N, C-alpha and C. Protein backbone atom coordinates (compact mmCIF):
# COMPACT_ATOMS: atom_id res chain seq x y z
N MET A 1 0.84 -1.17 0.00
CA MET A 1 0.00 0.00 0.00
C MET A 1 0.89 1.24 0.00
N ASN A 2 0.65 2.17 -0.94
CA ASN A 2 1.47 3.37 -0.98
C ASN A 2 0.97 4.39 0.03
N ASP A 3 1.73 5.48 0.21
CA ASP A 3 1.40 6.48 1.24
C ASP A 3 0.04 7.14 0.99
N ALA A 4 -0.28 7.42 -0.27
CA ALA A 4 -1.56 8.07 -0.60
C ALA A 4 -2.73 7.16 -0.24
N THR A 5 -2.60 5.87 -0.57
CA THR A 5 -3.66 4.91 -0.25
C THR A 5 -3.80 4.77 1.26
N SER A 6 -2.68 4.71 1.95
CA SER A 6 -2.68 4.58 3.40
C SER A 6 -3.33 5.80 4.05
N SER A 7 -3.00 6.99 3.56
CA SER A 7 -3.57 8.22 4.09
C SER A 7 -5.08 8.26 3.84
N ASN A 8 -5.51 7.87 2.64
CA ASN A 8 -6.93 7.84 2.29
C ASN A 8 -7.66 6.85 3.19
N SER A 9 -7.07 5.67 3.41
CA SER A 9 -7.67 4.66 4.29
C SER A 9 -7.85 5.21 5.69
N GLY A 10 -6.84 5.92 6.17
CA GLY A 10 -6.91 6.51 7.50
C GLY A 10 -8.02 7.54 7.62
N MET A 11 -8.16 8.38 6.60
CA MET A 11 -9.22 9.41 6.61
C MET A 11 -10.60 8.76 6.56
N VAL A 12 -10.74 7.72 5.74
CA VAL A 12 -12.02 7.03 5.61
C VAL A 12 -12.39 6.37 6.94
N LYS A 13 -11.45 5.70 7.56
CA LYS A 13 -11.72 5.03 8.84
C LYS A 13 -12.07 6.06 9.92
N THR A 14 -11.35 7.18 9.94
CA THR A 14 -11.63 8.24 10.90
C THR A 14 -13.04 8.79 10.70
N PHE A 15 -13.43 8.98 9.45
CA PHE A 15 -14.77 9.46 9.12
C PHE A 15 -15.83 8.53 9.73
N CYS A 16 -15.67 7.23 9.50
CA CYS A 16 -16.64 6.25 10.01
C CYS A 16 -16.63 6.18 11.53
N GLN A 17 -15.43 6.23 12.10
CA GLN A 17 -15.31 6.17 13.56
C GLN A 17 -15.95 7.41 14.20
N ASP A 18 -15.80 8.57 13.57
CA ASP A 18 -16.43 9.79 14.08
C ASP A 18 -17.95 9.67 14.08
N LYS A 19 -18.50 9.06 13.02
CA LYS A 19 -19.96 8.84 12.94
C LYS A 19 -20.43 7.93 14.08
N TRP A 20 -19.68 6.86 14.28
CA TRP A 20 -20.00 5.88 15.34
C TRP A 20 -19.96 6.55 16.71
N GLU A 21 -18.92 7.33 16.95
CA GLU A 21 -18.76 8.00 18.24
C GLU A 21 -19.84 9.06 18.46
N ALA A 22 -20.24 9.76 17.40
CA ALA A 22 -21.29 10.78 17.52
C ALA A 22 -22.63 10.16 17.93
N ILE A 23 -22.94 9.01 17.36
CA ILE A 23 -24.19 8.32 17.72
C ILE A 23 -24.13 7.87 19.18
N GLN A 24 -23.00 7.31 19.58
CA GLN A 24 -22.86 6.87 20.98
C GLN A 24 -22.98 8.05 21.94
N LYS A 25 -22.39 9.17 21.58
CA LYS A 25 -22.44 10.37 22.42
C LYS A 25 -23.89 10.83 22.61
N GLU A 26 -24.65 10.81 21.53
CA GLU A 26 -26.07 11.20 21.59
C GLU A 26 -26.82 10.32 22.59
N TYR A 27 -26.55 9.04 22.58
CA TYR A 27 -27.24 8.12 23.48
C TYR A 27 -26.79 8.28 24.93
N ARG A 28 -25.55 8.67 25.12
CA ARG A 28 -25.05 8.84 26.49
C ARG A 28 -25.59 10.12 27.13
N GLN A 29 -26.01 11.08 26.33
CA GLN A 29 -26.44 12.37 26.85
C GLN A 29 -27.93 12.43 27.19
N THR A 30 -28.67 11.40 26.87
CA THR A 30 -30.11 11.41 27.09
C THR A 30 -30.49 10.29 28.05
N GLU A 31 -31.23 10.67 29.09
CA GLU A 31 -31.59 9.71 30.14
C GLU A 31 -32.43 8.55 29.63
N ASP A 32 -33.32 8.81 28.67
CA ASP A 32 -34.23 7.77 28.17
C ASP A 32 -33.64 6.96 27.02
N LYS A 33 -32.35 7.12 26.79
CA LYS A 33 -31.67 6.36 25.73
C LYS A 33 -30.49 5.62 26.35
N LYS A 34 -30.34 4.35 25.97
CA LYS A 34 -29.27 3.55 26.57
C LYS A 34 -28.69 2.59 25.53
N ILE A 35 -27.38 2.58 25.40
CA ILE A 35 -26.73 1.66 24.46
C ILE A 35 -26.67 0.27 25.10
N ILE A 36 -27.15 -0.72 24.35
CA ILE A 36 -27.13 -2.11 24.80
C ILE A 36 -25.86 -2.80 24.30
N LEU A 37 -25.49 -2.47 23.07
CA LEU A 37 -24.32 -3.08 22.44
C LEU A 37 -23.79 -2.14 21.36
N SER A 38 -22.48 -2.05 21.27
CA SER A 38 -21.88 -1.21 20.23
C SER A 38 -20.60 -1.88 19.76
N ASN A 39 -20.45 -2.00 18.43
CA ASN A 39 -19.28 -2.65 17.87
C ASN A 39 -18.83 -1.91 16.62
N PHE A 40 -17.57 -1.54 16.58
CA PHE A 40 -16.99 -0.89 15.41
C PHE A 40 -15.86 -1.77 14.89
N GLY A 41 -15.83 -1.97 13.58
CA GLY A 41 -14.73 -2.74 13.00
C GLY A 41 -15.22 -3.75 12.00
N ASP A 42 -14.38 -4.68 11.71
CA ASP A 42 -14.67 -5.70 10.72
C ASP A 42 -15.76 -6.64 11.23
N LEU A 43 -16.84 -6.73 10.50
CA LEU A 43 -17.93 -7.62 10.90
C LEU A 43 -17.78 -8.95 10.17
N SER A 44 -16.74 -9.67 10.53
CA SER A 44 -16.49 -10.99 9.95
C SER A 44 -17.50 -11.98 10.52
N GLU A 45 -17.50 -13.18 9.98
CA GLU A 45 -18.46 -14.20 10.42
C GLU A 45 -18.32 -14.48 11.91
N ASP A 46 -17.08 -14.61 12.40
CA ASP A 46 -16.86 -14.87 13.83
C ASP A 46 -17.35 -13.71 14.67
N GLY A 47 -17.07 -12.49 14.21
CA GLY A 47 -17.51 -11.29 14.93
C GLY A 47 -19.02 -11.21 15.00
N VAL A 48 -19.67 -11.53 13.89
CA VAL A 48 -21.13 -11.50 13.84
C VAL A 48 -21.72 -12.52 14.80
N ASP A 49 -21.15 -13.73 14.84
CA ASP A 49 -21.66 -14.76 15.75
C ASP A 49 -21.58 -14.30 17.20
N SER A 50 -20.48 -13.67 17.58
CA SER A 50 -20.35 -13.22 18.97
C SER A 50 -21.29 -12.05 19.25
N ILE A 51 -21.51 -11.16 18.27
CA ILE A 51 -22.47 -10.06 18.43
C ILE A 51 -23.87 -10.62 18.66
N LEU A 52 -24.25 -11.60 17.85
CA LEU A 52 -25.59 -12.19 17.97
C LEU A 52 -25.78 -12.85 19.34
N MET A 53 -24.76 -13.52 19.82
CA MET A 53 -24.85 -14.16 21.14
C MET A 53 -25.01 -13.10 22.23
N MET A 54 -24.23 -12.01 22.13
CA MET A 54 -24.33 -10.93 23.11
C MET A 54 -25.71 -10.27 23.09
N VAL A 55 -26.25 -10.04 21.88
CA VAL A 55 -27.56 -9.42 21.74
C VAL A 55 -28.61 -10.25 22.48
N GLU A 56 -28.63 -11.53 22.19
CA GLU A 56 -29.62 -12.40 22.81
C GLU A 56 -29.46 -12.42 24.33
N ASN A 57 -28.23 -12.56 24.80
CA ASN A 57 -27.99 -12.61 26.25
C ASN A 57 -28.41 -11.31 26.94
N LYS A 58 -28.06 -10.17 26.33
CA LYS A 58 -28.39 -8.88 26.96
C LYS A 58 -29.90 -8.64 26.99
N LEU A 59 -30.58 -8.99 25.91
CA LEU A 59 -32.04 -8.80 25.88
C LEU A 59 -32.73 -9.71 26.89
N GLU A 60 -32.24 -10.95 27.01
CA GLU A 60 -32.79 -11.87 28.00
C GLU A 60 -32.55 -11.35 29.41
N SER A 61 -31.34 -10.80 29.65
CA SER A 61 -31.01 -10.29 30.99
C SER A 61 -31.85 -9.05 31.34
N HIS A 62 -32.35 -8.33 30.33
CA HIS A 62 -33.24 -7.19 30.57
C HIS A 62 -34.69 -7.64 30.75
N GLY A 63 -34.92 -8.96 30.66
CA GLY A 63 -36.25 -9.50 30.89
C GLY A 63 -37.25 -9.23 29.78
N GLU A 64 -36.74 -9.03 28.56
CA GLU A 64 -37.64 -8.74 27.44
C GLU A 64 -38.41 -10.00 27.03
N PRO A 65 -39.66 -9.81 26.56
CA PRO A 65 -40.45 -10.96 26.12
C PRO A 65 -39.80 -11.68 24.94
N ARG A 66 -40.00 -12.97 24.88
CA ARG A 66 -39.37 -13.82 23.85
C ARG A 66 -39.70 -13.34 22.43
N MET A 67 -40.95 -12.92 22.19
CA MET A 67 -41.33 -12.46 20.85
C MET A 67 -40.58 -11.20 20.44
N LEU A 68 -40.37 -10.28 21.40
CA LEU A 68 -39.62 -9.06 21.11
C LEU A 68 -38.16 -9.40 20.82
N ILE A 69 -37.59 -10.27 21.63
CA ILE A 69 -36.20 -10.70 21.41
C ILE A 69 -36.06 -11.29 20.02
N LYS A 70 -37.02 -12.11 19.62
CA LYS A 70 -36.97 -12.75 18.30
C LYS A 70 -37.02 -11.70 17.18
N ARG A 71 -37.88 -10.69 17.33
CA ARG A 71 -37.98 -9.64 16.30
C ARG A 71 -36.68 -8.84 16.21
N ILE A 72 -36.14 -8.45 17.37
CA ILE A 72 -34.90 -7.69 17.38
C ILE A 72 -33.77 -8.53 16.79
N PHE A 73 -33.70 -9.78 17.20
CA PHE A 73 -32.65 -10.69 16.73
C PHE A 73 -32.72 -10.83 15.20
N THR A 74 -33.92 -10.98 14.67
CA THR A 74 -34.09 -11.10 13.22
C THR A 74 -33.62 -9.83 12.50
N VAL A 75 -33.98 -8.66 13.04
CA VAL A 75 -33.54 -7.40 12.45
C VAL A 75 -32.02 -7.28 12.48
N VAL A 76 -31.41 -7.67 13.60
CA VAL A 76 -29.95 -7.61 13.72
C VAL A 76 -29.30 -8.56 12.71
N VAL A 77 -29.80 -9.79 12.62
CA VAL A 77 -29.24 -10.77 11.68
C VAL A 77 -29.32 -10.24 10.25
N GLU A 78 -30.49 -9.77 9.85
CA GLU A 78 -30.67 -9.28 8.48
C GLU A 78 -29.85 -8.02 8.22
N SER A 79 -29.73 -7.16 9.22
CA SER A 79 -28.94 -5.93 9.07
C SER A 79 -27.46 -6.26 8.88
N LEU A 80 -26.97 -7.17 9.69
CA LEU A 80 -25.55 -7.56 9.57
C LEU A 80 -25.29 -8.28 8.25
N GLN A 81 -26.25 -9.08 7.82
CA GLN A 81 -26.13 -9.75 6.53
C GLN A 81 -26.08 -8.71 5.41
N ASN A 82 -26.92 -7.70 5.51
CA ASN A 82 -26.95 -6.62 4.53
C ASN A 82 -25.60 -5.90 4.48
N VAL A 83 -25.03 -5.65 5.65
CA VAL A 83 -23.71 -5.02 5.73
C VAL A 83 -22.68 -5.90 5.03
N ARG A 84 -22.70 -7.18 5.32
CA ARG A 84 -21.70 -8.07 4.74
C ARG A 84 -21.85 -8.20 3.22
N ILE A 85 -23.09 -8.15 2.73
CA ILE A 85 -23.32 -8.28 1.29
C ILE A 85 -22.90 -7.01 0.55
N HIS A 86 -23.27 -5.85 1.10
CA HIS A 86 -23.09 -4.60 0.37
C HIS A 86 -21.85 -3.79 0.75
N ALA A 87 -21.12 -4.22 1.76
CA ALA A 87 -19.93 -3.46 2.17
C ALA A 87 -18.86 -3.54 1.08
N SER A 88 -18.19 -2.41 0.89
CA SER A 88 -17.10 -2.35 -0.08
C SER A 88 -15.98 -3.30 0.34
N ARG A 89 -15.34 -3.89 -0.62
CA ARG A 89 -14.22 -4.80 -0.36
C ARG A 89 -12.86 -4.09 -0.54
N THR A 90 -12.91 -2.78 -0.76
CA THR A 90 -11.66 -2.03 -0.97
C THR A 90 -10.84 -2.00 0.31
N GLU A 91 -9.56 -1.79 0.14
CA GLU A 91 -8.64 -1.75 1.29
C GLU A 91 -9.02 -0.65 2.27
N SER A 92 -9.39 0.52 1.75
CA SER A 92 -9.70 1.65 2.65
C SER A 92 -11.01 1.45 3.41
N ALA A 93 -11.86 0.53 2.96
CA ALA A 93 -13.14 0.29 3.64
C ALA A 93 -13.05 -0.79 4.72
N LYS A 94 -11.93 -1.49 4.79
CA LYS A 94 -11.81 -2.58 5.76
C LYS A 94 -11.92 -2.06 7.19
N GLY A 95 -12.70 -2.77 7.99
CA GLY A 95 -12.80 -2.45 9.41
C GLY A 95 -13.53 -1.16 9.71
N THR A 96 -14.44 -0.74 8.83
CA THR A 96 -15.13 0.54 9.03
C THR A 96 -16.63 0.39 9.31
N SER A 97 -17.14 -0.83 9.35
CA SER A 97 -18.57 -1.05 9.60
C SER A 97 -18.85 -0.95 11.09
N PHE A 98 -20.09 -0.64 11.42
CA PHE A 98 -20.45 -0.67 12.84
C PHE A 98 -21.92 -1.00 13.04
N ILE A 99 -22.20 -1.42 14.27
CA ILE A 99 -23.57 -1.67 14.71
C ILE A 99 -23.73 -1.13 16.12
N ILE A 100 -24.86 -0.51 16.36
CA ILE A 100 -25.23 -0.05 17.70
C ILE A 100 -26.65 -0.52 17.95
N ILE A 101 -26.85 -1.14 19.09
CA ILE A 101 -28.20 -1.53 19.49
C ILE A 101 -28.49 -0.77 20.78
N ALA A 102 -29.60 -0.05 20.77
CA ALA A 102 -29.91 0.82 21.91
C ALA A 102 -31.38 0.71 22.27
N LYS A 103 -31.65 1.06 23.50
CA LYS A 103 -33.04 1.16 23.96
C LYS A 103 -33.36 2.65 24.02
N GLU A 104 -34.49 3.02 23.44
CA GLU A 104 -34.86 4.42 23.35
C GLU A 104 -36.33 4.57 23.69
N TYR A 105 -36.62 5.21 24.82
CA TYR A 105 -38.00 5.42 25.27
C TYR A 105 -38.81 4.12 25.25
N GLY A 106 -38.18 3.03 25.68
CA GLY A 106 -38.86 1.74 25.77
C GLY A 106 -38.78 0.88 24.53
N ASP A 107 -38.50 1.48 23.38
CA ASP A 107 -38.35 0.72 22.14
C ASP A 107 -36.87 0.47 21.87
N TYR A 108 -36.59 -0.32 20.85
CA TYR A 108 -35.20 -0.63 20.51
C TYR A 108 -34.83 -0.02 19.17
N LYS A 109 -33.57 0.37 19.05
CA LYS A 109 -33.02 0.88 17.80
C LYS A 109 -31.85 -0.01 17.40
N VAL A 110 -31.82 -0.36 16.13
CA VAL A 110 -30.68 -1.07 15.56
C VAL A 110 -30.10 -0.14 14.50
N ILE A 111 -28.88 0.30 14.72
CA ILE A 111 -28.22 1.24 13.81
C ILE A 111 -27.01 0.52 13.22
N VAL A 112 -27.00 0.37 11.92
CA VAL A 112 -25.87 -0.27 11.25
C VAL A 112 -25.34 0.66 10.18
N ALA A 113 -24.03 0.55 9.95
CA ALA A 113 -23.43 1.40 8.92
C ALA A 113 -22.24 0.67 8.29
N ASN A 114 -22.02 0.98 7.03
CA ASN A 114 -20.86 0.45 6.32
C ASN A 114 -20.56 1.37 5.14
N LEU A 115 -19.45 1.11 4.50
CA LEU A 115 -19.10 1.82 3.29
C LEU A 115 -19.48 0.96 2.10
N ALA A 116 -20.16 1.58 1.14
CA ALA A 116 -20.56 0.87 -0.08
C ALA A 116 -19.83 1.51 -1.26
N ASP A 117 -19.54 0.69 -2.26
CA ASP A 117 -18.95 1.22 -3.49
C ASP A 117 -19.98 2.12 -4.17
N ASN A 118 -19.53 3.25 -4.68
CA ASN A 118 -20.45 4.22 -5.28
C ASN A 118 -21.30 3.63 -6.40
N ASP A 119 -20.76 2.65 -7.13
CA ASP A 119 -21.50 2.12 -8.28
C ASP A 119 -22.72 1.26 -7.90
N ILE A 120 -22.88 0.88 -6.62
CA ILE A 120 -24.07 0.11 -6.24
C ILE A 120 -25.05 0.92 -5.38
N VAL A 121 -24.68 2.13 -5.03
CA VAL A 121 -25.48 2.94 -4.11
C VAL A 121 -26.89 3.20 -4.66
N GLU A 122 -27.00 3.57 -5.93
CA GLU A 122 -28.32 3.87 -6.49
C GLU A 122 -29.25 2.65 -6.44
N HIS A 123 -28.69 1.49 -6.66
CA HIS A 123 -29.50 0.25 -6.58
C HIS A 123 -30.03 0.03 -5.16
N ILE A 124 -29.15 0.18 -4.17
CA ILE A 124 -29.54 0.00 -2.77
C ILE A 124 -30.59 1.05 -2.39
N LYS A 125 -30.34 2.29 -2.78
CA LYS A 125 -31.25 3.39 -2.46
C LYS A 125 -32.63 3.15 -3.07
N ALA A 126 -32.66 2.73 -4.32
CA ALA A 126 -33.94 2.47 -5.00
C ALA A 126 -34.72 1.37 -4.28
N LYS A 127 -34.02 0.32 -3.88
CA LYS A 127 -34.66 -0.79 -3.15
C LYS A 127 -35.25 -0.30 -1.83
N LEU A 128 -34.48 0.49 -1.09
CA LEU A 128 -34.95 1.00 0.20
C LEU A 128 -36.13 1.95 0.04
N ILE A 129 -36.07 2.83 -0.95
CA ILE A 129 -37.16 3.77 -1.20
C ILE A 129 -38.44 3.02 -1.55
N SER A 130 -38.32 2.00 -2.40
CA SER A 130 -39.51 1.25 -2.81
C SER A 130 -40.11 0.47 -1.63
N VAL A 131 -39.27 -0.09 -0.77
CA VAL A 131 -39.76 -0.86 0.37
C VAL A 131 -40.39 0.06 1.42
N THR A 132 -39.74 1.17 1.75
CA THR A 132 -40.26 2.04 2.80
C THR A 132 -41.53 2.78 2.36
N ALA A 133 -41.81 2.81 1.07
CA ALA A 133 -43.02 3.47 0.57
C ALA A 133 -44.26 2.57 0.71
N LEU A 134 -44.06 1.29 0.99
CA LEU A 134 -45.18 0.34 1.05
C LEU A 134 -45.92 0.42 2.38
N ASN A 135 -47.24 0.24 2.30
CA ASN A 135 -48.00 0.10 3.54
C ASN A 135 -47.87 -1.35 4.02
N GLU A 136 -48.40 -1.65 5.19
CA GLU A 136 -48.21 -2.98 5.79
C GLU A 136 -48.72 -4.10 4.88
N ARG A 137 -49.91 -3.92 4.33
CA ARG A 137 -50.50 -4.95 3.48
C ARG A 137 -49.67 -5.19 2.22
N ALA A 138 -49.26 -4.11 1.57
CA ALA A 138 -48.45 -4.22 0.35
C ALA A 138 -47.09 -4.84 0.65
N LEU A 139 -46.52 -4.47 1.80
CA LEU A 139 -45.23 -5.02 2.21
C LEU A 139 -45.31 -6.54 2.38
N LYS A 140 -46.37 -7.00 3.04
CA LYS A 140 -46.55 -8.45 3.24
C LYS A 140 -46.72 -9.16 1.89
N LYS A 141 -47.46 -8.53 0.99
CA LYS A 141 -47.70 -9.12 -0.33
C LYS A 141 -46.39 -9.24 -1.12
N VAL A 142 -45.60 -8.16 -1.13
CA VAL A 142 -44.31 -8.18 -1.83
C VAL A 142 -43.39 -9.23 -1.21
N TYR A 143 -43.39 -9.30 0.12
CA TYR A 143 -42.57 -10.29 0.82
C TYR A 143 -42.97 -11.71 0.42
N MET A 144 -44.26 -12.00 0.44
CA MET A 144 -44.75 -13.34 0.08
C MET A 144 -44.44 -13.66 -1.38
N ASN A 145 -44.60 -12.68 -2.25
CA ASN A 145 -44.26 -12.88 -3.68
C ASN A 145 -42.78 -13.17 -3.86
N SER A 146 -41.94 -12.45 -3.12
CA SER A 146 -40.49 -12.68 -3.20
C SER A 146 -40.12 -14.08 -2.72
N LEU A 147 -40.79 -14.51 -1.65
CA LEU A 147 -40.56 -15.88 -1.15
C LEU A 147 -40.99 -16.92 -2.19
N ALA A 148 -42.15 -16.68 -2.78
CA ALA A 148 -42.69 -17.64 -3.76
C ALA A 148 -41.83 -17.70 -5.02
N MET A 149 -41.35 -16.53 -5.45
CA MET A 149 -40.54 -16.48 -6.67
C MET A 149 -39.17 -17.13 -6.43
N GLY A 150 -38.62 -16.88 -5.24
CA GLY A 150 -37.35 -17.49 -4.88
C GLY A 150 -36.19 -17.10 -5.76
N LYS A 151 -36.31 -15.97 -6.47
CA LYS A 151 -35.21 -15.56 -7.34
C LYS A 151 -34.07 -14.99 -6.51
N LEU A 152 -32.88 -15.45 -6.78
CA LEU A 152 -31.72 -14.94 -6.07
C LEU A 152 -30.94 -13.99 -6.96
N SER A 153 -30.49 -12.93 -6.36
CA SER A 153 -29.67 -11.98 -7.12
C SER A 153 -28.22 -12.44 -7.12
N ALA A 154 -27.40 -11.75 -7.88
CA ALA A 154 -25.97 -12.07 -7.94
C ALA A 154 -25.32 -11.90 -6.58
N LYS A 155 -25.88 -11.03 -5.75
CA LYS A 155 -25.33 -10.79 -4.41
C LYS A 155 -25.80 -11.84 -3.41
N GLY A 156 -26.69 -12.73 -3.82
CA GLY A 156 -27.07 -13.84 -2.94
C GLY A 156 -28.42 -13.73 -2.28
N GLY A 157 -29.20 -12.71 -2.55
CA GLY A 157 -30.51 -12.60 -1.91
C GLY A 157 -31.57 -12.19 -2.90
N ALA A 158 -32.79 -12.23 -2.49
CA ALA A 158 -33.90 -11.81 -3.35
C ALA A 158 -34.46 -10.49 -2.85
N GLY A 159 -33.62 -9.71 -2.13
CA GLY A 159 -34.11 -8.49 -1.52
C GLY A 159 -34.92 -8.79 -0.28
N LEU A 160 -34.88 -10.04 0.14
CA LEU A 160 -35.68 -10.46 1.30
C LEU A 160 -35.18 -9.85 2.60
N GLY A 161 -33.89 -9.57 2.68
CA GLY A 161 -33.34 -8.99 3.91
C GLY A 161 -33.99 -7.67 4.25
N ILE A 162 -34.04 -6.76 3.29
CA ILE A 162 -34.65 -5.45 3.51
C ILE A 162 -36.14 -5.61 3.79
N LEU A 163 -36.80 -6.49 3.06
CA LEU A 163 -38.23 -6.74 3.29
C LEU A 163 -38.48 -7.29 4.70
N THR A 164 -37.63 -8.20 5.13
CA THR A 164 -37.75 -8.78 6.47
C THR A 164 -37.54 -7.71 7.54
N ILE A 165 -36.52 -6.88 7.37
CA ILE A 165 -36.27 -5.78 8.31
C ILE A 165 -37.49 -4.87 8.38
N ALA A 166 -38.04 -4.52 7.22
CA ALA A 166 -39.22 -3.64 7.18
C ALA A 166 -40.40 -4.28 7.90
N LEU A 167 -40.63 -5.57 7.67
CA LEU A 167 -41.74 -6.27 8.32
C LEU A 167 -41.57 -6.32 9.84
N LYS A 168 -40.40 -6.69 10.30
CA LYS A 168 -40.17 -6.86 11.73
C LYS A 168 -40.14 -5.54 12.49
N SER A 169 -39.93 -4.43 11.76
CA SER A 169 -39.88 -3.11 12.40
C SER A 169 -41.13 -2.28 12.11
N ASP A 170 -42.15 -2.91 11.53
CA ASP A 170 -43.35 -2.19 11.11
C ASP A 170 -42.99 -1.02 10.19
N ASN A 171 -41.98 -1.26 9.36
CA ASN A 171 -41.47 -0.30 8.37
C ASN A 171 -40.95 0.99 9.01
N ASN A 172 -40.46 0.88 10.25
CA ASN A 172 -39.79 2.01 10.92
C ASN A 172 -38.31 1.96 10.58
N LEU A 173 -38.02 2.24 9.32
CA LEU A 173 -36.68 2.10 8.79
C LEU A 173 -36.27 3.41 8.13
N LYS A 174 -35.19 3.99 8.65
CA LYS A 174 -34.65 5.20 8.05
C LYS A 174 -33.26 4.86 7.52
N PHE A 175 -32.86 5.57 6.49
CA PHE A 175 -31.54 5.31 5.91
C PHE A 175 -30.93 6.60 5.41
N ASN A 176 -29.62 6.56 5.25
CA ASN A 176 -28.88 7.74 4.82
C ASN A 176 -27.67 7.31 4.00
N PHE A 177 -27.39 8.07 2.96
CA PHE A 177 -26.21 7.84 2.14
C PHE A 177 -25.40 9.14 2.10
N GLU A 178 -24.12 9.02 2.31
CA GLU A 178 -23.24 10.19 2.30
C GLU A 178 -21.97 9.85 1.52
N LYS A 179 -21.85 10.43 0.33
CA LYS A 179 -20.68 10.16 -0.49
C LYS A 179 -19.45 10.78 0.17
N ILE A 180 -18.40 9.98 0.35
CA ILE A 180 -17.22 10.52 1.03
C ILE A 180 -16.01 10.69 0.12
N ASN A 181 -15.99 9.96 -1.01
CA ASN A 181 -14.94 10.19 -2.00
C ASN A 181 -15.38 9.61 -3.35
N ASP A 182 -14.49 9.55 -4.31
CA ASP A 182 -14.85 9.08 -5.66
C ASP A 182 -15.24 7.61 -5.70
N ASP A 183 -14.86 6.87 -4.67
CA ASP A 183 -15.10 5.43 -4.67
C ASP A 183 -16.17 4.97 -3.68
N LEU A 184 -16.30 5.68 -2.55
CA LEU A 184 -17.08 5.15 -1.43
C LEU A 184 -18.17 6.09 -0.93
N THR A 185 -19.25 5.46 -0.48
CA THR A 185 -20.36 6.18 0.15
C THR A 185 -20.63 5.54 1.51
N PHE A 186 -20.79 6.40 2.51
CA PHE A 186 -21.17 5.95 3.84
C PHE A 186 -22.67 5.69 3.83
N PHE A 187 -23.07 4.49 4.23
CA PHE A 187 -24.47 4.07 4.19
C PHE A 187 -24.87 3.59 5.57
N ASN A 188 -25.93 4.19 6.12
CA ASN A 188 -26.39 3.67 7.40
C ASN A 188 -27.90 3.52 7.44
N MET A 189 -28.34 2.56 8.24
CA MET A 189 -29.76 2.31 8.47
C MET A 189 -30.03 2.45 9.95
N ASN A 190 -31.18 3.05 10.26
CA ASN A 190 -31.61 3.23 11.63
C ASN A 190 -32.99 2.59 11.72
N ILE A 191 -33.08 1.48 12.43
CA ILE A 191 -34.29 0.66 12.44
C ILE A 191 -34.88 0.67 13.86
N LYS A 192 -36.15 1.00 13.96
CA LYS A 192 -36.82 1.02 15.26
C LYS A 192 -37.67 -0.24 15.38
N VAL A 193 -37.47 -0.98 16.45
CA VAL A 193 -38.29 -2.15 16.74
C VAL A 193 -39.12 -1.83 17.99
N SER A 194 -40.40 -1.70 17.78
CA SER A 194 -41.30 -1.29 18.86
C SER A 194 -41.44 -2.41 19.89
N ALA A 195 -41.45 -2.03 21.16
CA ALA A 195 -41.60 -3.00 22.24
C ALA A 195 -43.03 -3.51 22.34
N ASN A 196 -43.98 -2.85 21.68
CA ASN A 196 -45.38 -3.27 21.73
C ASN A 196 -45.70 -4.32 20.72
């Protein structure tokens, strides 16, 4: 890696780390918000397995109902899968993904972020816009149709991950894209899972 690439990688990682720290700071400053789990770095398969185990253990220790734990767990699994599928494989993007799970006014928030290659951003954005525009009935219909069709994309899914996240969160899904250089865009999702 040459000096320019190394410097660019450092700036990109700092950018992502600053975003992660800003979200954590917001949660620490508000009494009705509490971070349950926070992880910054490479979300490899081993890392994901340990995150999932911690999520389940922490939710159980908070005495949450089994159905709520299952919904949150499903959202976390699908969110992390989405990160792993769409995260950039470039050197400067390595170790820049993060997840924060927090309790906010009794409900749960799952916040995930990663860097995506600029050439796939419009596709991801279009998928998210189309899913978040659906009402509950239409969302269920699209989900069932996707299951029935069983078509897999080149990335390995049928868009079911986003549909599943939308269903389990009652479509309380917000997203943001922020282009940071000629190659990469910072992409994050903020998903609310209602305790009711």
